[in-house]
């Protein structure tokens, strides 16, 4: 009889141990779930921070690659669901267009150029245009990509290469003239914003660099 009781006791102890192990494992599972649910909003916050590369202020001039120079006319907030979004309202004067750009999508914006960059653009305009032997359709595509890149040096190159008042490009087609005017106006608007001078003064400065002034004077 005492042996049977001992066997029963050992069996009961084993059952208790297995039950306690199961309870412990469940508690561990619950604990591991709780921290994970708490970390989710923290991860979202970390993702938002790096995208805010630069803070622009009201009345600042910025460049939106596909539209050119614009002025920040408002910095506003809006709620979409539970998320609060801050965004810039940018007015593009040349196109009479107002853009809404979230502050966490600033890769689409760049600050206006410095005086040194403008001076480099003038030296690009003074240099000789590049002659390409490729088909016009391919060149037109390349020029259009450069205009919409938002890069001021590439924009200057397009203006220089398509300048109609040079010895190399005597006659321009309608599409050439359109691309030239688009690039010229984009560049001129950035010159105006940086140099803080009138549109007429900027035009004179650019035309002089392109050699257009001499031609207009000889025509008179």
N, C-alpha and C. Protein backbone atom coordinates (compact mmCIF):
# COMPACT_ATOMS: atom_id res chain seq x y z
N UNK A 1 0.81 -1.23 0.00
CA UNK A 1 0.00 0.00 0.00
C UNK A 1 0.85 1.28 0.00
N UNK A 2 1.85 1.39 0.82
CA UNK A 2 2.65 2.62 0.80
C UNK A 2 3.29 2.89 -0.56
N UNK A 3 3.66 1.82 -1.34
CA UNK A 3 4.25 2.00 -2.67
C UNK A 3 3.27 2.65 -3.63
N UNK A 4 1.99 2.21 -3.59
CA UNK A 4 0.94 2.77 -4.46
C UNK A 4 0.73 4.25 -4.18
N UNK A 5 0.74 4.60 -2.88
CA UNK A 5 0.56 6.01 -2.51
C UNK A 5 1.72 6.87 -3.03
N UNK A 6 2.92 6.31 -2.95
CA UNK A 6 4.10 7.03 -3.45
C UNK A 6 4.01 7.28 -4.94
N UNK A 7 3.56 6.27 -5.70
CA UNK A 7 3.39 6.38 -7.17
C UNK A 7 2.37 7.45 -7.51
N UNK A 8 1.24 7.45 -6.74
CA UNK A 8 0.20 8.46 -6.97
C UNK A 8 0.72 9.88 -6.69
N UNK A 9 1.48 10.01 -5.63
CA UNK A 9 2.03 11.32 -5.28
C UNK A 9 2.98 11.84 -6.37
N UNK A 10 3.82 10.97 -6.87
CA UNK A 10 4.77 11.38 -7.93
C UNK A 10 4.04 11.78 -9.20
N UNK A 11 2.95 11.05 -9.52
CA UNK A 11 2.14 11.39 -10.70
C UNK A 11 1.49 12.76 -10.54
N UNK A 12 0.96 13.03 -9.32
CA UNK A 12 0.33 14.33 -9.03
C UNK A 12 1.34 15.46 -9.13
N UNK A 13 2.54 15.22 -8.62
CA UNK A 13 3.61 16.23 -8.70
C UNK A 13 3.99 16.55 -10.14
N UNK A 14 4.07 15.49 -10.97
CA UNK A 14 4.39 15.67 -12.39
C UNK A 14 3.33 16.50 -13.11
N UNK A 15 2.03 16.21 -12.78
CA UNK A 15 0.92 16.95 -13.38
C UNK A 15 0.97 18.43 -13.00
N UNK A 16 1.28 18.67 -11.70
CA UNK A 16 1.37 20.05 -11.22
C UNK A 16 2.50 20.81 -11.93
N UNK A 17 3.62 20.12 -12.10
CA UNK A 17 4.76 20.73 -12.77
C UNK A 17 4.45 21.10 -14.23
N UNK A 18 3.77 20.17 -14.92
CA UNK A 18 3.42 20.42 -16.33
C UNK A 18 2.42 21.56 -16.45
N UNK A 19 1.46 21.60 -15.49
CA UNK A 19 0.47 22.70 -15.47
C UNK A 19 1.14 24.05 -15.24
N UNK A 20 2.05 24.05 -14.26
CA UNK A 20 2.77 25.29 -13.95
C UNK A 20 3.62 25.76 -15.13
N UNK A 21 4.22 24.81 -15.86
CA UNK A 21 5.02 25.15 -17.06
C UNK A 21 4.14 25.76 -18.15
N UNK A 22 2.94 25.19 -18.32
CA UNK A 22 1.99 25.70 -19.32
C UNK A 22 1.56 27.12 -18.98
N UNK A 23 1.27 27.34 -17.69
CA UNK A 23 0.85 28.67 -17.22
C UNK A 23 1.97 29.69 -17.44
N UNK A 24 3.22 29.28 -17.13
CA UNK A 24 4.37 30.15 -17.32
C UNK A 24 4.58 30.53 -18.79
N UNK A 25 4.42 29.51 -19.67
CA UNK A 25 4.61 29.76 -21.11
C UNK A 25 3.55 30.70 -21.65
N UNK A 26 2.30 30.58 -21.15
CA UNK A 26 1.22 31.49 -21.56
C UNK A 26 1.51 32.92 -21.12
N UNK A 27 2.01 33.03 -19.88
CA UNK A 27 2.36 34.36 -19.36
C UNK A 27 3.47 35.00 -20.18
N UNK A 28 4.44 34.19 -20.59
CA UNK A 28 5.54 34.67 -21.42
C UNK A 28 5.03 35.15 -22.76
N UNK A 29 4.07 34.37 -23.34
CA UNK A 29 3.47 34.74 -24.63
C UNK A 29 2.74 36.08 -24.52
N UNK A 30 1.97 36.24 -23.43
CA UNK A 30 1.23 37.48 -23.21
C UNK A 30 2.16 38.67 -23.06
N UNK A 31 3.25 38.46 -22.31
CA UNK A 31 4.22 39.53 -22.09
C UNK A 31 4.89 39.94 -23.40
N UNK A 32 5.18 38.96 -24.26
CA UNK A 32 5.84 39.26 -25.52
C UNK A 32 4.92 40.00 -26.48
N UNK A 33 3.61 39.80 -26.39
CA UNK A 33 2.64 40.49 -27.25
C UNK A 33 2.49 41.94 -26.83
N UNK A 34 2.45 42.19 -25.53
CA UNK A 34 2.22 43.55 -25.01
C UNK A 34 3.28 44.55 -25.46
N UNK A 35 4.57 44.23 -25.30
CA UNK A 35 5.57 45.21 -25.74
C UNK A 35 5.51 45.49 -27.25
N UNK A 36 5.18 44.46 -28.04
CA UNK A 36 5.07 44.63 -29.49
C UNK A 36 4.01 45.63 -29.87
N UNK A 37 2.86 45.56 -29.18
CA UNK A 37 1.76 46.48 -29.48
C UNK A 37 2.10 47.91 -29.06
N UNK A 38 2.92 48.06 -28.02
CA UNK A 38 3.33 49.38 -27.55
C UNK A 38 4.36 50.01 -28.49
N UNK A 39 5.17 49.19 -29.16
CA UNK A 39 6.24 49.69 -30.02
C UNK A 39 5.74 50.21 -31.36
N UNK A 40 4.57 49.77 -31.82
CA UNK A 40 4.06 50.17 -33.13
C UNK A 40 3.98 51.68 -33.33
N UNK A 41 3.32 52.44 -32.43
CA UNK A 41 3.29 53.89 -32.63
C UNK A 41 4.67 54.55 -32.57
N UNK A 42 5.58 53.97 -31.78
CA UNK A 42 6.95 54.50 -31.68
C UNK A 42 7.68 54.36 -33.01
N UNK A 43 7.48 53.24 -33.70
CA UNK A 43 8.12 53.00 -35.00
C UNK A 43 7.62 54.03 -36.02
N UNK A 44 6.33 54.34 -35.99
CA UNK A 44 5.75 55.33 -36.90
C UNK A 44 6.39 56.70 -36.69
N UNK A 45 6.60 57.08 -35.45
CA UNK A 45 7.21 58.38 -35.13
C UNK A 45 8.63 58.46 -35.66
N UNK A 46 9.37 57.37 -35.53
CA UNK A 46 10.76 57.33 -35.99
C UNK A 46 10.81 57.47 -37.51
N UNK A 47 9.84 56.89 -38.21
CA UNK A 47 9.80 56.96 -39.67
C UNK A 47 9.53 58.37 -40.17
N UNK A 48 8.75 59.13 -39.45
CA UNK A 48 8.39 60.48 -39.87
C UNK A 48 9.55 61.46 -39.73
N UNK A 49 10.34 61.30 -38.68
CA UNK A 49 11.38 62.28 -38.36
C UNK A 49 12.44 62.46 -39.44
N UNK A 50 13.03 61.39 -40.00
CA UNK A 50 14.09 61.61 -40.98
C UNK A 50 13.63 62.32 -42.25
N UNK A 51 12.36 62.20 -42.61
CA UNK A 51 11.86 62.81 -43.84
C UNK A 51 11.76 64.34 -43.74
N UNK A 52 11.73 64.86 -42.51
CA UNK A 52 11.69 66.31 -42.32
C UNK A 52 13.11 66.87 -42.35
N UNK A 53 13.65 66.97 -43.56
CA UNK A 53 15.05 67.36 -43.75
C UNK A 53 15.28 68.85 -43.47
N UNK A 54 14.31 69.66 -43.89
CA UNK A 54 14.48 71.10 -43.79
C UNK A 54 13.16 71.75 -43.42
N UNK A 55 13.24 72.82 -42.65
CA UNK A 55 12.03 73.55 -42.29
C UNK A 55 12.01 74.86 -43.07
N UNK A 56 10.98 75.02 -43.89
CA UNK A 56 10.80 76.26 -44.64
C UNK A 56 9.82 77.16 -43.88
N UNK A 57 10.01 78.44 -44.02
CA UNK A 57 9.15 79.41 -43.34
C UNK A 57 8.23 80.12 -44.32
N UNK A 58 7.26 80.80 -43.77
CA UNK A 58 6.31 81.58 -44.56
C UNK A 58 7.07 82.62 -45.40
N UNK A 59 6.66 82.78 -46.65
CA UNK A 59 7.25 83.73 -47.62
C UNK A 59 8.61 83.29 -48.17
N UNK A 60 9.05 82.08 -47.81
CA UNK A 60 10.29 81.54 -48.39
C UNK A 60 10.05 81.14 -49.84
N UNK A 61 11.07 81.33 -50.68
CA UNK A 61 11.00 80.85 -52.06
C UNK A 61 11.57 79.44 -52.11
N UNK A 62 10.90 78.56 -52.83
CA UNK A 62 11.36 77.18 -53.01
C UNK A 62 11.20 76.80 -54.48
N UNK A 63 11.84 75.70 -54.87
CA UNK A 63 11.73 75.22 -56.25
C UNK A 63 11.06 73.85 -56.24
N UNK A 64 9.95 73.77 -56.97
CA UNK A 64 9.27 72.49 -57.19
C UNK A 64 9.65 72.07 -58.61
N UNK A 65 10.44 70.99 -58.78
CA UNK A 65 11.02 70.65 -60.08
C UNK A 65 10.10 70.74 -61.30
N UNK A 66 8.87 70.24 -61.19
CA UNK A 66 7.99 70.21 -62.36
C UNK A 66 7.32 71.55 -62.67
N UNK A 67 7.38 72.49 -61.73
CA UNK A 67 6.69 73.77 -61.92
C UNK A 67 7.58 75.00 -61.76
N UNK A 68 8.74 74.86 -61.18
CA UNK A 68 9.66 75.98 -61.03
C UNK A 68 9.57 76.66 -59.68
N UNK A 69 9.90 77.95 -59.65
CA UNK A 69 9.98 78.71 -58.40
C UNK A 69 8.59 79.05 -57.87
N UNK A 70 8.44 78.84 -56.56
CA UNK A 70 7.18 79.18 -55.89
C UNK A 70 7.45 79.82 -54.55
N UNK A 71 6.41 80.43 -54.00
CA UNK A 71 6.53 81.11 -52.71
C UNK A 71 5.60 80.44 -51.70
N UNK A 72 6.11 80.16 -50.48
CA UNK A 72 5.27 79.55 -49.44
C UNK A 72 4.33 80.62 -48.90
N UNK A 73 3.04 80.42 -49.13
CA UNK A 73 2.04 81.41 -48.70
C UNK A 73 1.33 80.99 -47.42
N UNK A 74 1.49 79.72 -47.02
CA UNK A 74 0.87 79.25 -45.77
C UNK A 74 1.52 77.95 -45.32
N UNK A 75 1.55 77.77 -43.99
CA UNK A 75 1.97 76.49 -43.39
C UNK A 75 0.79 76.04 -42.53
N UNK A 76 0.10 74.98 -42.98
CA UNK A 76 -1.15 74.57 -42.34
C UNK A 76 -1.10 73.14 -41.84
N UNK A 77 -2.10 72.81 -41.00
CA UNK A 77 -2.24 71.45 -40.47
C UNK A 77 -3.63 70.91 -40.81
N UNK A 78 -3.68 69.59 -41.02
CA UNK A 78 -4.97 68.94 -41.29
C UNK A 78 -4.95 67.55 -40.68
N UNK A 79 -6.13 67.07 -40.27
CA UNK A 79 -6.23 65.72 -39.69
C UNK A 79 -6.85 64.76 -40.69
N UNK A 80 -6.14 63.68 -40.94
CA UNK A 80 -6.65 62.60 -41.79
C UNK A 80 -6.73 61.37 -40.91
N UNK A 81 -7.93 61.04 -40.48
CA UNK A 81 -8.12 59.96 -39.49
C UNK A 81 -7.56 60.39 -38.16
N UNK A 82 -6.64 59.60 -37.64
CA UNK A 82 -5.97 59.92 -36.37
C UNK A 82 -4.63 60.62 -36.58
N UNK A 83 -4.22 60.77 -37.83
CA UNK A 83 -2.90 61.34 -38.12
C UNK A 83 -3.02 62.83 -38.45
N UNK A 84 -2.18 63.62 -37.80
CA UNK A 84 -2.13 65.06 -38.08
C UNK A 84 -1.01 65.34 -39.07
N UNK A 85 -1.37 65.97 -40.19
CA UNK A 85 -0.39 66.23 -41.25
C UNK A 85 -0.17 67.73 -41.38
N UNK A 86 1.11 68.11 -41.45
CA UNK A 86 1.47 69.51 -41.68
C UNK A 86 1.91 69.64 -43.13
N UNK A 87 1.50 70.71 -43.79
CA UNK A 87 1.84 70.89 -45.19
C UNK A 87 2.06 72.36 -45.54
N UNK A 88 2.79 72.54 -46.66
CA UNK A 88 3.05 73.89 -47.19
C UNK A 88 2.09 74.17 -48.34
N UNK A 89 1.63 75.41 -48.41
CA UNK A 89 0.89 75.87 -49.58
C UNK A 89 1.83 76.76 -50.37
N UNK A 90 2.13 76.34 -51.60
CA UNK A 90 3.13 77.03 -52.43
C UNK A 90 2.45 77.62 -53.66
N UNK A 91 2.63 78.90 -53.85
CA UNK A 91 2.04 79.59 -55.01
C UNK A 91 3.08 79.75 -56.11
N UNK A 92 2.80 79.17 -57.28
CA UNK A 92 3.67 79.30 -58.46
C UNK A 92 3.11 80.43 -59.31
N UNK A 93 3.75 81.58 -59.25
CA UNK A 93 3.22 82.78 -59.90
C UNK A 93 3.14 82.65 -61.42
N UNK A 94 4.16 82.07 -62.05
CA UNK A 94 4.21 81.96 -63.51
C UNK A 94 3.04 81.14 -64.06
N UNK A 95 2.61 80.15 -63.29
CA UNK A 95 1.53 79.26 -63.74
C UNK A 95 0.20 79.55 -63.03
N UNK A 96 0.20 80.52 -62.12
CA UNK A 96 -0.99 80.86 -61.32
C UNK A 96 -1.58 79.60 -60.67
N UNK A 97 -0.69 78.86 -60.03
CA UNK A 97 -1.02 77.55 -59.47
C UNK A 97 -0.63 77.49 -57.99
N UNK A 98 -1.50 76.89 -57.16
CA UNK A 98 -1.17 76.69 -55.75
C UNK A 98 -1.00 75.20 -55.47
N UNK A 99 0.17 74.82 -54.97
CA UNK A 99 0.47 73.42 -54.66
C UNK A 99 0.37 73.17 -53.16
N UNK A 100 -0.05 71.97 -52.79
CA UNK A 100 -0.08 71.56 -51.39
C UNK A 100 0.92 70.41 -51.22
N UNK A 101 1.99 70.69 -50.47
CA UNK A 101 3.06 69.70 -50.31
C UNK A 101 3.24 69.36 -48.83
N UNK A 102 2.98 68.10 -48.41
CA UNK A 102 3.21 67.72 -47.00
C UNK A 102 4.67 67.91 -46.61
N UNK A 103 4.90 68.32 -45.36
CA UNK A 103 6.27 68.59 -44.90
C UNK A 103 7.14 67.33 -44.86
N UNK A 104 6.51 66.15 -44.83
CA UNK A 104 7.29 64.90 -44.82
C UNK A 104 7.55 64.36 -46.24
N UNK A 105 7.26 65.20 -47.24
CA UNK A 105 7.57 64.84 -48.63
C UNK A 105 8.43 65.92 -49.27
N UNK A 106 9.46 66.33 -48.53
CA UNK A 106 10.28 67.45 -48.97
C UNK A 106 11.30 67.10 -50.04
N UNK A 107 11.36 65.83 -50.42
CA UNK A 107 12.27 65.45 -51.50
C UNK A 107 11.85 66.11 -52.81
N UNK A 108 10.57 66.55 -52.87
CA UNK A 108 10.06 67.22 -54.07
C UNK A 108 10.44 68.71 -54.11
N UNK A 109 10.96 69.22 -53.01
CA UNK A 109 11.30 70.64 -52.94
C UNK A 109 12.81 70.84 -52.78
N UNK A 110 13.27 72.02 -53.19
CA UNK A 110 14.64 72.42 -52.89
C UNK A 110 14.66 73.93 -52.64
N UNK A 111 15.59 74.41 -51.82
CA UNK A 111 15.68 75.86 -51.63
C UNK A 111 16.21 76.53 -52.89
N UNK A 112 15.95 77.81 -53.04
CA UNK A 112 16.46 78.53 -54.21
C UNK A 112 17.99 78.60 -54.14
N UNK A 113 18.59 78.82 -55.28
CA UNK A 113 20.06 78.79 -55.38
C UNK A 113 20.73 79.94 -54.64
N UNK A 114 22.03 79.78 -54.43
CA UNK A 114 22.83 80.84 -53.81
C UNK A 114 23.35 81.78 -54.90
N UNK A 115 23.95 82.90 -54.49
CA UNK A 115 24.54 83.85 -55.44
C UNK A 115 25.65 83.19 -56.25
N UNK A 116 26.46 82.36 -55.59
CA UNK A 116 27.55 81.64 -56.27
C UNK A 116 27.03 80.72 -57.36
N UNK A 117 25.91 80.05 -57.08
CA UNK A 117 25.30 79.16 -58.08
C UNK A 117 24.76 79.95 -59.27
N UNK A 118 24.19 81.13 -58.98
CA UNK A 118 23.69 82.00 -60.06
C UNK A 118 24.84 82.47 -60.94
N UNK A 119 25.97 82.81 -60.32
CA UNK A 119 27.16 83.23 -61.07
C UNK A 119 27.68 82.10 -61.96
N UNK A 120 27.60 80.88 -61.46
CA UNK A 120 28.03 79.73 -62.26
C UNK A 120 27.08 79.52 -63.45
N UNK A 121 25.79 79.79 -63.22
CA UNK A 121 24.79 79.68 -64.30
C UNK A 121 25.09 80.69 -65.41
N UNK A 122 25.50 81.88 -65.02
CA UNK A 122 25.84 82.92 -66.00
C UNK A 122 27.03 82.49 -66.84
N UNK A 123 28.02 81.86 -66.19
CA UNK A 123 29.19 81.36 -66.93
C UNK A 123 28.79 80.22 -67.88
N UNK A 124 27.78 79.43 -67.51
CA UNK A 124 27.28 78.36 -68.39
C UNK A 124 26.60 78.99 -69.61
N UNK A 125 25.81 80.04 -69.38
CA UNK A 125 25.12 80.74 -70.48
C UNK A 125 26.11 81.37 -71.45
N UNK A 126 27.27 81.79 -70.95
CA UNK A 126 28.30 82.42 -71.79
C UNK A 126 29.07 81.40 -72.63
N UNK A 127 29.07 80.14 -72.19
CA UNK A 127 29.85 79.10 -72.90
C UNK A 127 29.17 78.69 -74.21
N UNK A 128 29.91 77.99 -75.06
CA UNK A 128 29.40 77.58 -76.37
C UNK A 128 28.37 76.46 -76.24
N UNK A 129 27.31 76.51 -77.05
CA UNK A 129 26.31 75.42 -76.99
C UNK A 129 26.87 74.11 -77.52
N UNK A 130 26.36 73.02 -76.99
CA UNK A 130 26.81 71.69 -77.44
C UNK A 130 26.01 71.28 -78.68
N UNK A 131 26.72 70.80 -79.68
CA UNK A 131 26.04 70.32 -80.90
C UNK A 131 25.90 68.81 -80.81
N UNK A 132 24.65 68.34 -80.86
CA UNK A 132 24.39 66.90 -80.81
C UNK A 132 23.85 66.42 -82.15
N UNK A 133 24.32 65.27 -82.59
CA UNK A 133 23.92 64.71 -83.90
C UNK A 133 22.72 63.77 -83.80
N UNK A 134 22.21 63.57 -82.61
CA UNK A 134 21.08 62.66 -82.43
C UNK A 134 19.79 63.28 -82.97
N UNK A 135 18.77 62.46 -83.14
CA UNK A 135 17.48 62.93 -83.66
C UNK A 135 16.85 63.95 -82.71
N UNK A 136 16.09 64.89 -83.28
CA UNK A 136 15.49 65.95 -82.46
C UNK A 136 14.53 65.40 -81.40
N UNK A 137 13.77 64.36 -81.75
CA UNK A 137 12.80 63.78 -80.80
C UNK A 137 13.49 63.29 -79.53
N UNK A 138 14.68 62.70 -79.69
CA UNK A 138 15.45 62.22 -78.53
C UNK A 138 16.05 63.39 -77.75
N UNK A 139 16.55 64.38 -78.47
CA UNK A 139 17.12 65.56 -77.82
C UNK A 139 16.04 66.34 -77.06
N UNK A 140 14.87 66.44 -77.67
CA UNK A 140 13.74 67.15 -77.04
C UNK A 140 13.35 66.49 -75.72
N UNK A 141 13.38 65.16 -75.72
CA UNK A 141 13.08 64.40 -74.49
C UNK A 141 14.12 64.67 -73.41
N UNK A 142 15.37 64.72 -73.81
CA UNK A 142 16.47 65.00 -72.87
C UNK A 142 16.36 66.41 -72.29
N UNK A 143 16.05 67.38 -73.16
CA UNK A 143 15.88 68.77 -72.72
C UNK A 143 14.72 68.90 -71.74
N UNK A 144 13.63 68.22 -72.06
CA UNK A 144 12.44 68.27 -71.20
C UNK A 144 12.73 67.68 -69.81
N UNK A 145 13.49 66.59 -69.78
CA UNK A 145 13.89 65.96 -68.51
C UNK A 145 14.78 66.90 -67.69
N UNK A 146 15.67 67.60 -68.37
CA UNK A 146 16.56 68.56 -67.69
C UNK A 146 15.76 69.73 -67.11
N UNK A 147 14.78 70.21 -67.86
CA UNK A 147 13.94 71.32 -67.39
C UNK A 147 13.18 70.92 -66.14
N UNK A 148 12.63 69.71 -66.14
CA UNK A 148 11.82 69.23 -65.01
C UNK A 148 12.62 68.57 -63.89
N UNK A 149 13.96 68.56 -64.03
CA UNK A 149 14.80 67.95 -62.98
C UNK A 149 14.88 68.83 -61.74
N UNK A 150 14.68 70.14 -61.93
CA UNK A 150 14.80 71.07 -60.81
C UNK A 150 16.22 71.50 -60.55
N UNK A 151 17.18 71.01 -61.36
CA UNK A 151 18.59 71.34 -61.19
C UNK A 151 18.93 72.58 -62.04
N UNK A 152 19.38 73.62 -61.37
CA UNK A 152 19.58 74.90 -62.05
C UNK A 152 20.68 74.86 -63.11
N UNK A 153 21.71 74.06 -62.92
CA UNK A 153 22.79 73.98 -63.91
C UNK A 153 22.30 73.31 -65.20
N UNK A 154 21.47 72.29 -65.05
CA UNK A 154 20.90 71.59 -66.21
C UNK A 154 19.95 72.51 -66.97
N UNK A 155 19.22 73.32 -66.23
CA UNK A 155 18.30 74.30 -66.81
C UNK A 155 19.08 75.33 -67.63
N UNK A 156 20.22 75.77 -67.08
CA UNK A 156 21.09 76.74 -67.77
C UNK A 156 21.64 76.14 -69.06
N UNK A 157 21.96 74.86 -69.04
CA UNK A 157 22.49 74.18 -70.22
C UNK A 157 21.46 74.13 -71.35
N UNK A 158 20.20 73.91 -70.99
CA UNK A 158 19.12 73.88 -71.98
C UNK A 158 18.96 75.25 -72.63
N UNK A 159 18.96 76.30 -71.80
CA UNK A 159 18.84 77.68 -72.31
C UNK A 159 20.00 78.00 -73.25
N UNK A 160 21.21 77.62 -72.84
CA UNK A 160 22.41 77.86 -73.65
C UNK A 160 22.35 77.11 -74.98
N UNK A 161 21.99 75.81 -74.93
CA UNK A 161 21.98 74.97 -76.14
C UNK A 161 20.86 75.34 -77.12
N UNK A 162 19.75 75.87 -76.61
CA UNK A 162 18.61 76.20 -77.48
C UNK A 162 18.49 77.70 -77.76
N UNK A 163 19.51 78.46 -77.37
CA UNK A 163 19.49 79.90 -77.63
C UNK A 163 19.46 80.16 -79.14
N UNK A 164 18.36 80.75 -79.63
CA UNK A 164 18.17 80.91 -81.09
C UNK A 164 19.03 82.02 -81.70
N UNK A 165 19.50 82.94 -80.87
CA UNK A 165 20.31 84.04 -81.39
C UNK A 165 21.81 83.73 -81.34
N UNK A 166 22.16 82.54 -81.73
CA UNK A 166 23.58 82.18 -81.88
C UNK A 166 23.83 81.80 -83.33
N UNK A 167 25.09 81.71 -83.72
CA UNK A 167 25.43 81.36 -85.11
C UNK A 167 25.10 79.90 -85.41
N UNK A 168 25.12 79.06 -84.37
CA UNK A 168 24.92 77.61 -84.57
C UNK A 168 23.44 77.29 -84.84
N UNK A 169 22.55 77.86 -84.02
CA UNK A 169 21.11 77.61 -84.22
C UNK A 169 20.50 78.86 -84.84
N UNK A 170 20.45 78.90 -86.14
CA UNK A 170 19.92 80.08 -86.84
C UNK A 170 18.40 80.08 -86.84
N UNK A 171 17.82 78.98 -87.26
CA UNK A 171 16.36 78.86 -87.31
C UNK A 171 15.91 77.79 -86.34
N UNK A 172 14.84 78.11 -85.61
CA UNK A 172 14.30 77.15 -84.64
C UNK A 172 12.92 76.67 -85.06
N UNK A 173 12.67 75.42 -84.79
CA UNK A 173 11.33 74.88 -85.01
C UNK A 173 10.42 75.33 -83.87
N UNK A 174 9.13 75.08 -84.03
CA UNK A 174 8.16 75.49 -83.00
C UNK A 174 8.44 74.79 -81.67
N UNK A 175 8.75 73.48 -81.71
CA UNK A 175 9.01 72.71 -80.49
C UNK A 175 10.30 73.16 -79.81
N UNK A 176 11.32 73.53 -80.61
CA UNK A 176 12.58 74.05 -80.06
C UNK A 176 12.33 75.37 -79.33
N UNK A 177 11.55 76.24 -79.97
CA UNK A 177 11.24 77.54 -79.39
C UNK A 177 10.46 77.39 -78.08
N UNK A 178 9.52 76.45 -78.07
CA UNK A 178 8.71 76.20 -76.86
C UNK A 178 9.58 75.75 -75.69
N UNK A 179 10.49 74.82 -75.96
CA UNK A 179 11.38 74.32 -74.91
C UNK A 179 12.33 75.41 -74.42
N UNK A 180 12.83 76.21 -75.37
CA UNK A 180 13.72 77.31 -75.00
C UNK A 180 13.00 78.30 -74.08
N UNK A 181 11.80 78.70 -74.47
CA UNK A 181 11.04 79.68 -73.68
C UNK A 181 10.69 79.16 -72.29
N UNK A 182 10.35 77.88 -72.21
CA UNK A 182 10.03 77.25 -70.93
C UNK A 182 11.24 77.26 -69.99
N UNK A 183 12.40 76.85 -70.53
CA UNK A 183 13.64 76.82 -69.73
C UNK A 183 14.08 78.24 -69.36
N UNK A 184 13.98 79.17 -70.32
CA UNK A 184 14.39 80.56 -70.12
C UNK A 184 13.56 81.21 -68.99
N UNK A 185 12.24 81.01 -69.02
CA UNK A 185 11.36 81.60 -68.00
C UNK A 185 11.59 80.99 -66.61
N UNK A 186 11.84 79.68 -66.58
CA UNK A 186 12.13 79.01 -65.29
C UNK A 186 13.41 79.57 -64.67
N UNK A 187 14.42 79.71 -65.51
CA UNK A 187 15.72 80.21 -65.04
C UNK A 187 15.59 81.67 -64.61
N UNK A 188 14.86 82.45 -65.39
CA UNK A 188 14.67 83.88 -65.10
C UNK A 188 13.96 84.08 -63.77
N UNK A 189 12.96 83.26 -63.49
CA UNK A 189 12.19 83.39 -62.23
C UNK A 189 13.07 83.09 -61.01
N UNK A 190 14.02 82.15 -61.17
CA UNK A 190 14.93 81.85 -60.05
C UNK A 190 15.97 82.96 -59.88
N UNK A 191 16.43 83.51 -60.99
CA UNK A 191 17.35 84.65 -60.94
C UNK A 191 16.69 85.81 -60.18
N UNK A 192 15.41 86.07 -60.49
CA UNK A 192 14.65 87.16 -59.84
C UNK A 192 14.57 86.95 -58.33
N UNK A 193 14.24 85.70 -57.93
CA UNK A 193 14.08 85.38 -56.50
C UNK A 193 15.39 85.49 -55.73
N UNK A 194 16.48 85.10 -56.36
CA UNK A 194 17.79 85.11 -55.69
C UNK A 194 18.39 86.52 -55.67
N UNK A 195 18.41 87.16 -56.84
CA UNK A 195 19.05 88.48 -56.96
C UNK A 195 18.19 89.63 -56.43
N UNK A 196 16.86 89.35 -56.29
CA UNK A 196 15.89 90.33 -55.78
C UNK A 196 15.90 91.62 -56.62
N UNK A 197 15.87 91.42 -57.92
CA UNK A 197 15.80 92.55 -58.86
C UNK A 197 14.60 92.35 -59.78
N UNK A 198 14.30 93.36 -60.57
CA UNK A 198 13.13 93.31 -61.45
C UNK A 198 13.32 92.30 -62.58
N UNK A 199 12.20 91.90 -63.17
CA UNK A 199 12.20 90.95 -64.28
C UNK A 199 12.97 91.50 -65.48
N UNK A 200 12.87 92.80 -65.70
CA UNK A 200 13.55 93.46 -66.83
C UNK A 200 15.07 93.42 -66.65
N UNK A 201 15.54 93.67 -65.42
CA UNK A 201 16.98 93.65 -65.13
C UNK A 201 17.57 92.25 -65.29
N UNK A 202 16.80 91.25 -64.86
CA UNK A 202 17.24 89.86 -64.99
C UNK A 202 17.33 89.48 -66.48
N UNK A 203 16.34 89.89 -67.24
CA UNK A 203 16.31 89.61 -68.69
C UNK A 203 17.55 90.19 -69.37
N UNK A 204 17.90 91.41 -69.02
CA UNK A 204 19.08 92.08 -69.59
C UNK A 204 20.36 91.30 -69.24
N UNK A 205 20.44 90.85 -67.99
CA UNK A 205 21.62 90.10 -67.51
C UNK A 205 21.77 88.77 -68.26
N UNK A 206 20.65 88.05 -68.41
CA UNK A 206 20.66 86.77 -69.11
C UNK A 206 20.95 86.94 -70.60
N UNK A 207 20.31 87.92 -71.22
CA UNK A 207 20.49 88.16 -72.66
C UNK A 207 21.92 88.58 -72.99
N UNK A 208 22.52 89.33 -72.07
CA UNK A 208 23.91 89.73 -72.26
C UNK A 208 24.84 88.52 -72.24
N UNK A 209 24.59 87.61 -71.27
CA UNK A 209 25.38 86.38 -71.16
C UNK A 209 25.20 85.48 -72.39
N UNK A 210 23.99 85.49 -72.95
CA UNK A 210 23.68 84.66 -74.13
C UNK A 210 24.09 85.30 -75.45
N UNK A 211 24.49 86.58 -75.39
CA UNK A 211 24.88 87.28 -76.60
C UNK A 211 23.70 87.76 -77.41
N UNK A 212 22.55 87.89 -76.78
CA UNK A 212 21.33 88.30 -77.47
C UNK A 212 21.22 89.83 -77.59
N UNK A 213 21.90 90.54 -76.72
CA UNK A 213 21.81 92.01 -76.71
C UNK A 213 22.39 92.60 -77.98
N UNK A 214 23.57 92.12 -78.40
CA UNK A 214 24.24 92.63 -79.59
C UNK A 214 23.38 92.46 -80.84
N UNK A 215 22.70 91.34 -80.91
CA UNK A 215 21.86 91.05 -82.08
C UNK A 215 20.67 91.99 -82.14
N UNK A 216 20.04 92.23 -80.96
CA UNK A 216 18.88 93.13 -80.91
C UNK A 216 19.30 94.57 -81.23
N UNK A 217 20.52 94.97 -80.80
CA UNK A 217 21.02 96.31 -81.07
C UNK A 217 21.34 96.51 -82.55
N UNK A 218 21.92 95.46 -83.17
CA UNK A 218 22.25 95.55 -84.59
C UNK A 218 20.99 95.59 -85.45
N UNK A 219 19.91 94.93 -84.91
CA UNK A 219 18.63 94.92 -85.62
C UNK A 219 17.99 96.29 -85.61
N UNK A 220 18.24 97.08 -84.55
CA UNK A 220 17.70 98.43 -84.44
C UNK A 220 18.42 99.37 -85.40
